[in-house]
Amino acid sequence: INSKSKEYLTKLLDDPNMGKEIDSENWDKVYKYFLHMFSGSPMSVEEKFEIYSDLTRFLLESGINPLVGQDHISGYTFYGEYDLEELPAIPSSIKKIKPKAYTEVVTHEPMELIIPGTVETVETYAFSECNDLTKLIIEDGVKEIESFAIFDCKNIKYIELPNSLKRLRYIVSAMDRSDLNNIVIKFNGSADEFIKLVNFSN
């Protein structure tokens, strides 16, 4: 990250302590501070989320993965247009993927995401209106997927579910119900285990 970018962030955050963190390139502390600062501001939720996504883009363009050191992915962390290779892998520190963590993400080519087994919960609307999302692999270790975790992602074609799931709700919602007919869902367990999981959870 260049000196001009550091100067911009220092002015934006307007905190001498954060200026030191920026100089030291302690980006996890800067990112957490940034989110905390805006959580109590009088801005609308939409304005805050746009700022979150702007910060994500700023860090990515500076060669920094904003997810490193975080324990969750906040709403609107990924929002808008990206080159596919810009989207970082989800690190093992992430425990929750919050509502609308990925929303209206546009890559202009098929997007595949892997949720590592270190994630504990994928919350409602975690993936919202991401029409380039075609494949979602959820690795063994994930325990809970909340209702409609995948919301109105019209081109999702393949979802892989782990045997570690303890709770599975209605994971997919589409505005056009016909979109659901073309989805392949693979469960990495037995048919009996899947039936028990669905009957217990829904």
N, C-alpha and C. Protein backbone atom coordinates (compact mmCIF):
# COMPACT_ATOMS: atom_id res chain seq x y z
N ILE A 1 0.87 -1.18 0.00
CA ILE A 1 0.00 0.00 0.00
C ILE A 1 0.91 1.23 0.00
N ASN A 2 0.61 2.20 -0.85
CA ASN A 2 1.52 3.34 -1.00
C ASN A 2 1.23 4.45 0.02
N SER A 3 2.13 5.43 0.06
CA SER A 3 2.01 6.50 1.06
C SER A 3 0.76 7.33 0.86
N LYS A 4 0.33 7.48 -0.40
CA LYS A 4 -0.88 8.26 -0.67
C LYS A 4 -2.10 7.56 -0.08
N SER A 5 -2.14 6.25 -0.21
CA SER A 5 -3.26 5.48 0.36
C SER A 5 -3.26 5.58 1.87
N LYS A 6 -2.07 5.50 2.48
CA LYS A 6 -1.97 5.63 3.94
C LYS A 6 -2.45 7.00 4.40
N GLU A 7 -2.07 8.02 3.66
CA GLU A 7 -2.48 9.39 4.00
C GLU A 7 -4.00 9.53 3.92
N TYR A 8 -4.58 8.92 2.89
CA TYR A 8 -6.04 8.97 2.72
C TYR A 8 -6.74 8.29 3.89
N LEU A 9 -6.29 7.10 4.28
CA LEU A 9 -6.90 6.39 5.39
C LEU A 9 -6.74 7.14 6.70
N THR A 10 -5.57 7.72 6.92
CA THR A 10 -5.31 8.47 8.15
C THR A 10 -6.28 9.64 8.29
N LYS A 11 -6.50 10.36 7.19
CA LYS A 11 -7.44 11.49 7.22
C LYS A 11 -8.87 10.99 7.41
N LEU A 12 -9.19 9.89 6.77
CA LEU A 12 -10.56 9.36 6.85
C LEU A 12 -10.90 8.95 8.27
N LEU A 13 -9.98 8.28 8.94
CA LEU A 13 -10.24 7.80 10.30
C LEU A 13 -10.00 8.86 11.36
N ASP A 14 -9.15 9.83 11.07
CA ASP A 14 -8.94 11.00 11.94
C ASP A 14 -8.70 10.59 13.39
N ASP A 15 -7.78 9.67 13.60
CA ASP A 15 -7.46 9.22 14.94
C ASP A 15 -5.95 8.97 14.98
N PRO A 16 -5.21 9.70 15.85
CA PRO A 16 -3.75 9.54 15.88
C PRO A 16 -3.30 8.12 16.20
N ASN A 17 -4.08 7.42 17.04
CA ASN A 17 -3.74 6.04 17.36
C ASN A 17 -3.84 5.15 16.13
N MET A 18 -4.89 5.41 15.32
CA MET A 18 -5.04 4.63 14.10
C MET A 18 -3.97 5.00 13.08
N GLY A 19 -3.50 6.25 13.14
CA GLY A 19 -2.42 6.66 12.26
C GLY A 19 -1.18 5.80 12.49
N LYS A 20 -0.92 5.49 13.76
CA LYS A 20 0.21 4.62 14.10
C LYS A 20 -0.01 3.20 13.59
N GLU A 21 -1.25 2.74 13.72
CA GLU A 21 -1.56 1.38 13.24
C GLU A 21 -1.40 1.31 11.73
N ILE A 22 -1.83 2.37 11.03
CA ILE A 22 -1.71 2.40 9.57
C ILE A 22 -0.24 2.39 9.17
N ASP A 23 0.58 3.19 9.88
CA ASP A 23 2.02 3.20 9.60
C ASP A 23 2.64 1.83 9.84
N SER A 24 2.11 1.13 10.84
CA SER A 24 2.64 -0.20 11.16
C SER A 24 2.02 -1.28 10.28
N GLU A 25 1.03 -0.87 9.47
CA GLU A 25 0.32 -1.79 8.57
C GLU A 25 -0.37 -2.91 9.34
N ASN A 26 -0.95 -2.55 10.50
CA ASN A 26 -1.77 -3.50 11.26
C ASN A 26 -3.21 -3.41 10.73
N TRP A 27 -3.41 -4.00 9.55
CA TRP A 27 -4.66 -3.77 8.84
C TRP A 27 -5.87 -4.41 9.51
N ASP A 28 -5.66 -5.50 10.26
CA ASP A 28 -6.81 -6.09 10.95
C ASP A 28 -7.36 -5.13 12.00
N LYS A 29 -6.46 -4.42 12.72
CA LYS A 29 -6.91 -3.44 13.72
C LYS A 29 -7.58 -2.24 13.05
N VAL A 30 -7.02 -1.81 11.92
CA VAL A 30 -7.60 -0.67 11.19
C VAL A 30 -9.00 -1.02 10.70
N TYR A 31 -9.16 -2.20 10.16
CA TYR A 31 -10.45 -2.62 9.62
C TYR A 31 -11.49 -2.73 10.73
N LYS A 32 -11.13 -3.35 11.86
CA LYS A 32 -12.06 -3.47 12.98
C LYS A 32 -12.46 -2.10 13.52
N TYR A 33 -11.48 -1.20 13.61
CA TYR A 33 -11.76 0.15 14.08
C TYR A 33 -12.73 0.86 13.14
N PHE A 34 -12.48 0.70 11.85
CA PHE A 34 -13.32 1.33 10.84
C PHE A 34 -14.78 0.87 10.98
N LEU A 35 -14.99 -0.43 11.10
CA LEU A 35 -16.34 -0.96 11.23
C LEU A 35 -16.99 -0.48 12.53
N HIS A 36 -16.21 -0.46 13.62
CA HIS A 36 -16.75 -0.01 14.90
C HIS A 36 -17.14 1.47 14.83
N MET A 37 -16.31 2.27 14.18
CA MET A 37 -16.57 3.70 14.08
C MET A 37 -17.89 3.98 13.37
N PHE A 38 -18.13 3.23 12.30
CA PHE A 38 -19.34 3.49 11.53
C PHE A 38 -20.58 2.81 12.10
N SER A 39 -20.39 1.85 12.99
CA SER A 39 -21.56 1.17 13.57
C SER A 39 -22.40 2.13 14.42
N GLY A 40 -21.78 3.16 14.99
CA GLY A 40 -22.52 4.10 15.83
C GLY A 40 -22.83 5.42 15.15
N SER A 41 -22.60 5.50 13.85
CA SER A 41 -22.82 6.76 13.14
C SER A 41 -24.30 6.93 12.77
N PRO A 42 -24.74 8.16 12.49
CA PRO A 42 -26.15 8.40 12.15
C PRO A 42 -26.51 8.05 10.71
N MET A 43 -25.58 7.51 9.95
CA MET A 43 -25.86 7.17 8.55
C MET A 43 -26.87 6.05 8.45
N SER A 44 -27.51 5.96 7.30
CA SER A 44 -28.45 4.87 7.06
C SER A 44 -27.67 3.56 6.94
N VAL A 45 -28.40 2.45 7.11
CA VAL A 45 -27.77 1.13 6.99
C VAL A 45 -27.15 0.97 5.61
N GLU A 46 -27.87 1.42 4.58
CA GLU A 46 -27.36 1.29 3.21
C GLU A 46 -26.06 2.06 3.01
N GLU A 47 -25.99 3.28 3.59
CA GLU A 47 -24.77 4.08 3.47
C GLU A 47 -23.60 3.40 4.17
N LYS A 48 -23.86 2.83 5.34
CA LYS A 48 -22.81 2.13 6.07
C LYS A 48 -22.29 0.95 5.26
N PHE A 49 -23.22 0.17 4.70
CA PHE A 49 -22.82 -1.01 3.95
C PHE A 49 -22.03 -0.64 2.71
N GLU A 50 -22.39 0.46 2.06
CA GLU A 50 -21.62 0.90 0.90
C GLU A 50 -20.21 1.29 1.31
N ILE A 51 -20.07 1.89 2.50
CA ILE A 51 -18.75 2.24 3.00
C ILE A 51 -17.95 0.97 3.31
N TYR A 52 -18.61 -0.03 3.91
CA TYR A 52 -17.92 -1.30 4.18
C TYR A 52 -17.36 -1.87 2.88
N SER A 53 -18.20 -1.91 1.84
CA SER A 53 -17.76 -2.50 0.57
C SER A 53 -16.67 -1.66 -0.09
N ASP A 54 -16.75 -0.34 0.07
CA ASP A 54 -15.70 0.53 -0.47
C ASP A 54 -14.36 0.26 0.21
N LEU A 55 -14.40 0.05 1.53
CA LEU A 55 -13.17 -0.24 2.26
C LEU A 55 -12.61 -1.59 1.81
N THR A 56 -13.49 -2.57 1.63
CA THR A 56 -13.05 -3.87 1.13
C THR A 56 -12.32 -3.72 -0.19
N ARG A 57 -12.92 -2.98 -1.10
CA ARG A 57 -12.33 -2.79 -2.43
C ARG A 57 -10.98 -2.06 -2.32
N PHE A 58 -10.94 -1.05 -1.47
CA PHE A 58 -9.71 -0.27 -1.27
C PHE A 58 -8.58 -1.18 -0.79
N LEU A 59 -8.87 -2.04 0.20
CA LEU A 59 -7.85 -2.94 0.72
C LEU A 59 -7.43 -3.98 -0.31
N LEU A 60 -8.41 -4.52 -1.05
CA LEU A 60 -8.08 -5.52 -2.07
C LEU A 60 -7.19 -4.93 -3.15
N GLU A 61 -7.51 -3.70 -3.55
CA GLU A 61 -6.70 -3.05 -4.58
C GLU A 61 -5.30 -2.73 -4.08
N SER A 62 -5.14 -2.69 -2.75
CA SER A 62 -3.83 -2.45 -2.16
C SER A 62 -3.10 -3.75 -1.84
N GLY A 63 -3.69 -4.88 -2.26
CA GLY A 63 -3.07 -6.17 -2.05
C GLY A 63 -3.28 -6.75 -0.67
N ILE A 64 -4.34 -6.31 0.02
CA ILE A 64 -4.60 -6.77 1.39
C ILE A 64 -5.92 -7.53 1.42
N ASN A 65 -5.92 -8.71 2.02
CA ASN A 65 -7.14 -9.48 2.20
C ASN A 65 -7.83 -8.99 3.47
N PRO A 66 -8.97 -8.30 3.37
CA PRO A 66 -9.62 -7.73 4.56
C PRO A 66 -10.23 -8.77 5.49
N LEU A 67 -10.28 -10.03 5.05
CA LEU A 67 -10.87 -11.07 5.89
C LEU A 67 -9.87 -11.66 6.87
N VAL A 68 -8.60 -11.49 6.60
CA VAL A 68 -7.58 -12.07 7.47
C VAL A 68 -7.66 -11.42 8.85
N GLY A 69 -7.72 -12.26 9.88
CA GLY A 69 -7.80 -11.76 11.25
C GLY A 69 -9.21 -11.50 11.73
N GLN A 70 -10.21 -11.62 10.85
CA GLN A 70 -11.60 -11.41 11.24
C GLN A 70 -12.23 -12.74 11.65
N ASP A 71 -13.28 -12.67 12.49
CA ASP A 71 -13.97 -13.91 12.85
C ASP A 71 -15.33 -14.04 12.17
N HIS A 72 -15.71 -13.03 11.38
CA HIS A 72 -16.94 -13.12 10.60
C HIS A 72 -16.83 -12.22 9.37
N ILE A 73 -17.72 -12.44 8.43
CA ILE A 73 -17.80 -11.58 7.26
C ILE A 73 -19.08 -10.76 7.40
N SER A 74 -18.94 -9.46 7.53
CA SER A 74 -20.08 -8.57 7.76
C SER A 74 -20.93 -8.39 6.51
N GLY A 75 -22.15 -7.88 6.70
CA GLY A 75 -23.03 -7.55 5.59
C GLY A 75 -22.40 -6.56 4.64
N TYR A 76 -22.56 -6.82 3.35
CA TYR A 76 -22.07 -5.94 2.29
C TYR A 76 -20.55 -5.83 2.26
N THR A 77 -19.85 -6.80 2.83
CA THR A 77 -18.39 -6.80 2.69
C THR A 77 -18.03 -6.89 1.21
N PHE A 78 -18.76 -7.76 0.50
CA PHE A 78 -18.55 -7.89 -0.95
C PHE A 78 -19.83 -7.47 -1.66
N TYR A 79 -19.74 -6.37 -2.39
CA TYR A 79 -20.93 -5.77 -3.01
C TYR A 79 -20.48 -5.06 -4.29
N GLY A 80 -21.16 -5.34 -5.39
CA GLY A 80 -20.83 -4.65 -6.64
C GLY A 80 -19.93 -5.49 -7.54
N GLU A 81 -19.24 -4.81 -8.45
CA GLU A 81 -18.45 -5.50 -9.48
C GLU A 81 -17.03 -5.81 -9.01
N TYR A 82 -16.58 -7.01 -9.36
CA TYR A 82 -15.21 -7.46 -9.08
C TYR A 82 -14.72 -8.29 -10.24
N ASP A 83 -13.41 -8.28 -10.47
CA ASP A 83 -12.81 -9.31 -11.28
C ASP A 83 -12.80 -10.57 -10.43
N LEU A 84 -13.04 -11.70 -11.06
CA LEU A 84 -13.17 -12.95 -10.31
C LEU A 84 -11.96 -13.21 -9.42
N GLU A 85 -10.77 -12.93 -9.94
CA GLU A 85 -9.56 -13.21 -9.17
C GLU A 85 -9.37 -12.25 -8.00
N GLU A 86 -10.15 -11.17 -7.95
CA GLU A 86 -10.06 -10.22 -6.83
C GLU A 86 -10.67 -10.78 -5.55
N LEU A 87 -11.68 -11.64 -5.69
CA LEU A 87 -12.39 -12.14 -4.52
C LEU A 87 -11.49 -13.12 -3.75
N PRO A 88 -11.18 -12.81 -2.49
CA PRO A 88 -10.25 -13.66 -1.75
C PRO A 88 -10.91 -14.93 -1.22
N ALA A 89 -10.10 -15.94 -0.99
CA ALA A 89 -10.59 -17.15 -0.34
C ALA A 89 -10.97 -16.81 1.10
N ILE A 90 -11.93 -17.55 1.63
CA ILE A 90 -12.36 -17.35 3.02
C ILE A 90 -11.34 -18.01 3.94
N PRO A 91 -10.68 -17.23 4.82
CA PRO A 91 -9.64 -17.81 5.69
C PRO A 91 -10.23 -18.62 6.84
N SER A 92 -9.39 -19.39 7.50
CA SER A 92 -9.84 -20.28 8.57
C SER A 92 -10.28 -19.53 9.83
N SER A 93 -9.96 -18.22 9.92
CA SER A 93 -10.37 -17.45 11.10
C SER A 93 -11.87 -17.14 11.10
N ILE A 94 -12.51 -17.22 9.95
CA ILE A 94 -13.92 -16.85 9.83
C ILE A 94 -14.81 -17.94 10.44
N LYS A 95 -15.67 -17.53 11.37
CA LYS A 95 -16.60 -18.46 12.02
C LYS A 95 -18.04 -18.28 11.56
N LYS A 96 -18.39 -17.05 11.14
CA LYS A 96 -19.76 -16.80 10.68
C LYS A 96 -19.74 -15.97 9.40
N ILE A 97 -20.66 -16.29 8.51
CA ILE A 97 -20.89 -15.48 7.33
C ILE A 97 -22.25 -14.82 7.54
N LYS A 98 -22.24 -13.51 7.75
CA LYS A 98 -23.42 -12.77 8.17
C LYS A 98 -24.37 -12.49 7.00
N PRO A 99 -25.62 -12.08 7.29
CA PRO A 99 -26.56 -11.76 6.22
C PRO A 99 -26.01 -10.74 5.23
N LYS A 100 -26.16 -11.06 3.95
CA LYS A 100 -25.74 -10.20 2.85
C LYS A 100 -24.23 -9.91 2.86
N ALA A 101 -23.45 -10.85 3.38
CA ALA A 101 -21.99 -10.71 3.30
C ALA A 101 -21.55 -10.58 1.85
N TYR A 102 -22.19 -11.37 1.00
CA TYR A 102 -21.98 -11.28 -0.45
C TYR A 102 -23.33 -10.88 -1.05
N THR A 103 -23.42 -9.66 -1.55
CA THR A 103 -24.70 -9.24 -2.11
C THR A 103 -24.50 -8.48 -3.41
N GLU A 104 -25.29 -8.87 -4.40
CA GLU A 104 -25.23 -8.26 -5.74
C GLU A 104 -23.80 -8.23 -6.28
N VAL A 105 -23.04 -9.28 -5.97
CA VAL A 105 -21.67 -9.38 -6.49
C VAL A 105 -21.74 -9.75 -7.96
N VAL A 106 -21.04 -8.98 -8.78
CA VAL A 106 -21.03 -9.19 -10.24
C VAL A 106 -19.59 -9.44 -10.68
N THR A 107 -19.36 -10.58 -11.34
CA THR A 107 -18.02 -10.90 -11.83
C THR A 107 -17.98 -11.04 -13.36
N HIS A 108 -19.17 -11.12 -13.97
CA HIS A 108 -19.30 -11.28 -15.43
C HIS A 108 -18.76 -12.62 -15.93
N GLU A 109 -18.55 -13.55 -15.01
CA GLU A 109 -18.19 -14.92 -15.37
C GLU A 109 -18.58 -15.81 -14.20
N PRO A 110 -18.73 -17.11 -14.45
CA PRO A 110 -19.20 -18.00 -13.38
C PRO A 110 -18.32 -17.91 -12.13
N MET A 111 -18.98 -17.78 -11.00
CA MET A 111 -18.28 -17.62 -9.73
C MET A 111 -18.50 -18.86 -8.88
N GLU A 112 -17.41 -19.43 -8.38
CA GLU A 112 -17.47 -20.58 -7.49
C GLU A 112 -16.85 -20.18 -6.15
N LEU A 113 -17.51 -20.54 -5.06
CA LEU A 113 -17.01 -20.21 -3.73
C LEU A 113 -16.89 -21.47 -2.88
N ILE A 114 -15.86 -21.51 -2.06
CA ILE A 114 -15.66 -22.60 -1.11
C ILE A 114 -15.76 -22.04 0.30
N ILE A 115 -16.66 -22.63 1.10
CA ILE A 115 -16.78 -22.24 2.50
C ILE A 115 -16.01 -23.28 3.32
N PRO A 116 -14.91 -22.87 3.95
CA PRO A 116 -14.10 -23.86 4.68
C PRO A 116 -14.82 -24.41 5.90
N GLY A 117 -14.39 -25.59 6.32
CA GLY A 117 -15.04 -26.26 7.44
C GLY A 117 -14.87 -25.56 8.77
N THR A 118 -14.02 -24.56 8.84
CA THR A 118 -13.84 -23.79 10.07
C THR A 118 -14.98 -22.81 10.30
N VAL A 119 -15.78 -22.53 9.27
CA VAL A 119 -16.97 -21.68 9.43
C VAL A 119 -18.03 -22.48 10.19
N GLU A 120 -18.61 -21.89 11.21
CA GLU A 120 -19.61 -22.59 12.02
C GLU A 120 -21.02 -22.38 11.50
N THR A 121 -21.32 -21.14 11.06
CA THR A 121 -22.69 -20.81 10.66
C THR A 121 -22.69 -19.95 9.40
N VAL A 122 -23.55 -20.32 8.47
CA VAL A 122 -23.83 -19.49 7.30
C VAL A 122 -25.24 -18.93 7.53
N GLU A 123 -25.34 -17.62 7.74
CA GLU A 123 -26.60 -17.03 8.18
C GLU A 123 -27.54 -16.72 7.01
N THR A 124 -28.78 -16.40 7.37
CA THR A 124 -29.81 -16.08 6.38
C THR A 124 -29.35 -14.98 5.42
N TYR A 125 -29.61 -15.20 4.14
CA TYR A 125 -29.28 -14.22 3.08
C TYR A 125 -27.78 -13.94 2.99
N ALA A 126 -26.93 -14.87 3.44
CA ALA A 126 -25.49 -14.66 3.35
C ALA A 126 -25.05 -14.37 1.92
N PHE A 127 -25.66 -15.09 0.99
CA PHE A 127 -25.39 -14.87 -0.44
C PHE A 127 -26.68 -14.39 -1.07
N SER A 128 -26.73 -13.10 -1.39
CA SER A 128 -27.97 -12.48 -1.83
C SER A 128 -27.82 -11.82 -3.20
N GLU A 129 -28.65 -12.24 -4.13
CA GLU A 129 -28.71 -11.64 -5.46
C GLU A 129 -27.34 -11.63 -6.16
N CYS A 130 -26.61 -12.73 -5.98
CA CYS A 130 -25.32 -12.89 -6.68
C CYS A 130 -25.57 -13.77 -7.90
N ASN A 131 -25.94 -13.15 -9.00
CA ASN A 131 -26.38 -13.92 -10.15
C ASN A 131 -25.25 -14.60 -10.91
N ASP A 132 -24.00 -14.25 -10.61
CA ASP A 132 -22.87 -14.94 -11.24
C ASP A 132 -22.39 -16.12 -10.40
N LEU A 133 -22.96 -16.30 -9.21
CA LEU A 133 -22.61 -17.43 -8.36
C LEU A 133 -23.24 -18.69 -8.94
N THR A 134 -22.40 -19.65 -9.35
CA THR A 134 -22.92 -20.88 -9.97
C THR A 134 -22.65 -22.12 -9.12
N LYS A 135 -21.64 -22.06 -8.26
CA LYS A 135 -21.24 -23.26 -7.51
C LYS A 135 -20.81 -22.87 -6.11
N LEU A 136 -21.35 -23.58 -5.11
CA LEU A 136 -21.01 -23.32 -3.72
C LEU A 136 -20.66 -24.65 -3.06
N ILE A 137 -19.42 -24.75 -2.60
CA ILE A 137 -18.97 -25.96 -1.90
C ILE A 137 -18.79 -25.63 -0.43
N ILE A 138 -19.52 -26.34 0.41
CA ILE A 138 -19.45 -26.12 1.86
C ILE A 138 -18.73 -27.33 2.45
N GLU A 139 -17.54 -27.09 2.98
CA GLU A 139 -16.68 -28.19 3.40
C GLU A 139 -17.09 -28.78 4.75
N ASP A 140 -16.61 -29.98 4.99
CA ASP A 140 -16.92 -30.69 6.23
C ASP A 140 -16.41 -29.90 7.43
N GLY A 141 -17.27 -29.76 8.42
CA GLY A 141 -16.96 -28.97 9.62
C GLY A 141 -18.03 -27.92 9.87
N VAL A 142 -18.65 -27.42 8.80
CA VAL A 142 -19.73 -26.43 8.93
C VAL A 142 -20.93 -27.12 9.58
N LYS A 143 -21.49 -26.49 10.61
CA LYS A 143 -22.56 -27.14 11.38
C LYS A 143 -23.96 -26.60 11.09
N GLU A 144 -24.06 -25.34 10.66
CA GLU A 144 -25.40 -24.77 10.51
C GLU A 144 -25.49 -23.89 9.28
N ILE A 145 -26.54 -24.10 8.52
CA ILE A 145 -26.88 -23.23 7.40
C ILE A 145 -28.30 -22.74 7.64
N GLU A 146 -28.47 -21.45 7.81
CA GLU A 146 -29.78 -20.90 8.16
C GLU A 146 -30.69 -20.78 6.93
N SER A 147 -31.96 -20.51 7.20
CA SER A 147 -32.95 -20.42 6.14
C SER A 147 -32.55 -19.43 5.06
N PHE A 148 -32.69 -19.86 3.82
CA PHE A 148 -32.45 -19.00 2.65
C PHE A 148 -31.08 -18.33 2.70
N ALA A 149 -30.06 -19.11 3.09
CA ALA A 149 -28.69 -18.60 3.07
C ALA A 149 -28.31 -18.16 1.66
N ILE A 150 -28.91 -18.83 0.68
CA ILE A 150 -28.70 -18.46 -0.72
C ILE A 150 -30.01 -17.86 -1.22
N PHE A 151 -30.02 -16.55 -1.40
CA PHE A 151 -31.26 -15.84 -1.71
C PHE A 151 -31.20 -15.19 -3.08
N ASP A 152 -32.09 -15.63 -3.97
CA ASP A 152 -32.25 -15.02 -5.29
C ASP A 152 -30.93 -14.96 -6.07
N CYS A 153 -30.15 -16.04 -5.99
CA CYS A 153 -28.96 -16.20 -6.83
C CYS A 153 -29.39 -17.04 -8.02
N LYS A 154 -29.80 -16.40 -9.08
CA LYS A 154 -30.59 -17.05 -10.13
C LYS A 154 -29.84 -18.10 -10.93
N ASN A 155 -28.51 -18.08 -10.89
CA ASN A 155 -27.77 -19.02 -11.72
C ASN A 155 -27.00 -20.07 -10.93
N ILE A 156 -27.35 -20.21 -9.64
CA ILE A 156 -26.71 -21.26 -8.84
C ILE A 156 -27.12 -22.62 -9.40
N LYS A 157 -26.11 -23.46 -9.66
CA LYS A 157 -26.39 -24.76 -10.28
C LYS A 157 -25.96 -25.94 -9.42
N TYR A 158 -25.02 -25.71 -8.50
CA TYR A 158 -24.47 -26.83 -7.74
C TYR A 158 -24.15 -26.38 -6.32
N ILE A 159 -24.65 -27.15 -5.34
CA ILE A 159 -24.37 -26.89 -3.92
C ILE A 159 -23.93 -28.20 -3.29
N GLU A 160 -22.79 -28.16 -2.63
CA GLU A 160 -22.27 -29.36 -1.96
C GLU A 160 -22.35 -29.14 -0.46
N LEU A 161 -23.02 -30.08 0.22
CA LEU A 161 -23.25 -29.96 1.66
C LEU A 161 -22.45 -31.01 2.42
N PRO A 162 -21.91 -30.64 3.60
CA PRO A 162 -21.09 -31.59 4.36
C PRO A 162 -21.91 -32.47 5.29
N ASN A 163 -21.33 -33.58 5.66
CA ASN A 163 -21.95 -34.51 6.60
C ASN A 163 -21.95 -33.96 8.02
N SER A 164 -21.17 -32.89 8.26
CA SER A 164 -21.05 -32.32 9.61
C SER A 164 -22.26 -31.48 10.03
N LEU A 165 -23.17 -31.21 9.09
CA LEU A 165 -24.30 -30.33 9.40
C LEU A 165 -25.15 -30.88 10.53
N LYS A 166 -25.47 -29.98 11.47
CA LYS A 166 -26.38 -30.32 12.57
C LYS A 166 -27.73 -29.63 12.37
N ARG A 167 -27.72 -28.62 11.53
CA ARG A 167 -28.95 -27.84 11.30
C ARG A 167 -28.97 -27.39 9.85
N LEU A 168 -30.04 -27.71 9.17
CA LEU A 168 -30.20 -27.33 7.77
C LEU A 168 -31.62 -26.83 7.56
N ARG A 169 -31.73 -25.59 7.18
CA ARG A 169 -33.06 -25.02 6.91
C ARG A 169 -33.28 -25.00 5.40
N TYR A 170 -34.25 -24.23 4.95
CA TYR A 170 -34.51 -24.09 3.52
C TYR A 170 -33.42 -23.19 2.96
N ILE A 171 -32.39 -23.79 2.37
CA ILE A 171 -31.19 -23.01 2.08
C ILE A 171 -31.29 -22.13 0.85
N VAL A 172 -32.18 -22.47 -0.08
CA VAL A 172 -32.22 -21.72 -1.33
C VAL A 172 -33.57 -21.06 -1.51
N SER A 173 -33.54 -19.77 -1.90
CA SER A 173 -34.76 -19.07 -2.29
C SER A 173 -34.50 -18.36 -3.60
N ALA A 174 -35.47 -18.42 -4.49
CA ALA A 174 -35.36 -17.71 -5.77
C ALA A 174 -36.65 -16.97 -6.02
N MET A 175 -36.54 -15.77 -6.57
CA MET A 175 -37.73 -14.99 -6.88
C MET A 175 -38.57 -15.72 -7.93
N ASP A 176 -37.89 -16.30 -8.90
CA ASP A 176 -38.55 -17.11 -9.91
C ASP A 176 -38.37 -18.57 -9.50
N ARG A 177 -39.42 -19.20 -9.03
CA ARG A 177 -39.30 -20.55 -8.47
C ARG A 177 -38.79 -21.56 -9.48
N SER A 178 -38.95 -21.31 -10.77
CA SER A 178 -38.47 -22.25 -11.78
C SER A 178 -36.95 -22.37 -11.76
N ASP A 179 -36.26 -21.35 -11.21
CA ASP A 179 -34.80 -21.42 -11.13
C ASP A 179 -34.34 -22.59 -10.26
N LEU A 180 -35.19 -23.00 -9.31
CA LEU A 180 -34.80 -24.04 -8.37
C LEU A 180 -34.75 -25.41 -9.01
N ASN A 181 -35.39 -25.57 -10.15
CA ASN A 181 -35.45 -26.88 -10.80
C ASN A 181 -34.11 -27.33 -11.36
N ASN A 182 -33.18 -26.40 -11.54
CA ASN A 182 -31.92 -26.72 -12.20
C ASN A 182 -30.74 -26.83 -11.23
N ILE A 183 -31.02 -26.93 -9.94
CA ILE A 183 -29.95 -26.97 -8.94
C ILE A 183 -29.66 -28.42 -8.54
N VAL A 184 -28.37 -28.78 -8.56
CA VAL A 184 -27.93 -30.08 -8.06
C VAL A 184 -27.40 -29.86 -6.65
N ILE A 185 -27.94 -30.61 -5.68
CA ILE A 185 -27.46 -30.54 -4.30
C ILE A 185 -26.85 -31.89 -3.94
N LYS A 186 -25.56 -31.86 -3.61
CA LYS A 186 -24.85 -33.07 -3.22
C LYS A 186 -24.63 -33.05 -1.72
N PHE A 187 -25.03 -34.13 -1.05
CA PHE A 187 -24.83 -34.26 0.39
C PHE A 187 -23.77 -35.33 0.63
N ASN A 188 -22.70 -34.96 1.34
CA ASN A 188 -21.60 -35.90 1.59
C ASN A 188 -21.88 -36.78 2.81
N GLY A 189 -22.96 -37.48 2.74
CA GLY A 189 -23.36 -38.41 3.79
C GLY A 189 -24.36 -39.37 3.20
N SER A 190 -24.96 -40.18 4.04
CA SER A 190 -25.93 -41.16 3.54
C SER A 190 -27.30 -40.53 3.34
N ALA A 191 -28.13 -41.21 2.58
CA ALA A 191 -29.50 -40.74 2.35
C ALA A 191 -30.27 -40.68 3.66
N ASP A 192 -30.06 -41.67 4.53
CA ASP A 192 -30.76 -41.70 5.82
C ASP A 192 -30.37 -40.51 6.68
N GLU A 193 -29.07 -40.17 6.67
CA GLU A 193 -28.60 -39.01 7.45
C GLU A 193 -29.20 -37.72 6.93
N PHE A 194 -29.33 -37.62 5.61
CA PHE A 194 -29.91 -36.41 5.03
C PHE A 194 -31.38 -36.28 5.40
N ILE A 195 -32.11 -37.39 5.34
CA ILE A 195 -33.53 -37.38 5.68
C ILE A 195 -33.73 -36.97 7.16
N LYS A 196 -32.88 -37.52 8.04
CA LYS A 196 -32.97 -37.17 9.46
C LYS A 196 -32.67 -35.67 9.66
N LEU A 197 -31.66 -35.18 8.95
CA LEU A 197 -31.26 -33.78 9.07
C LEU A 197 -32.38 -32.86 8.63
N VAL A 198 -32.99 -33.15 7.49
CA VAL A 198 -34.06 -32.31 6.96
C VAL A 198 -35.30 -32.38 7.86
N ASN A 199 -35.66 -33.57 8.29
CA ASN A 199 -36.85 -33.72 9.13
C ASN A 199 -36.69 -33.06 10.48
N PHE A 200 -35.47 -33.09 11.02
CA PHE A 200 -35.20 -32.50 12.33
C PHE A 200 -35.19 -30.98 12.25
N SER A 201 -34.72 -30.44 11.13
CA SER A 201 -34.44 -29.00 11.05
C SER A 201 -35.61 -28.18 10.55
N ASN A 202 -36.45 -28.73 9.70
CA ASN A 202 -37.42 -27.88 9.00
C ASN A 202 -38.80 -27.93 9.63
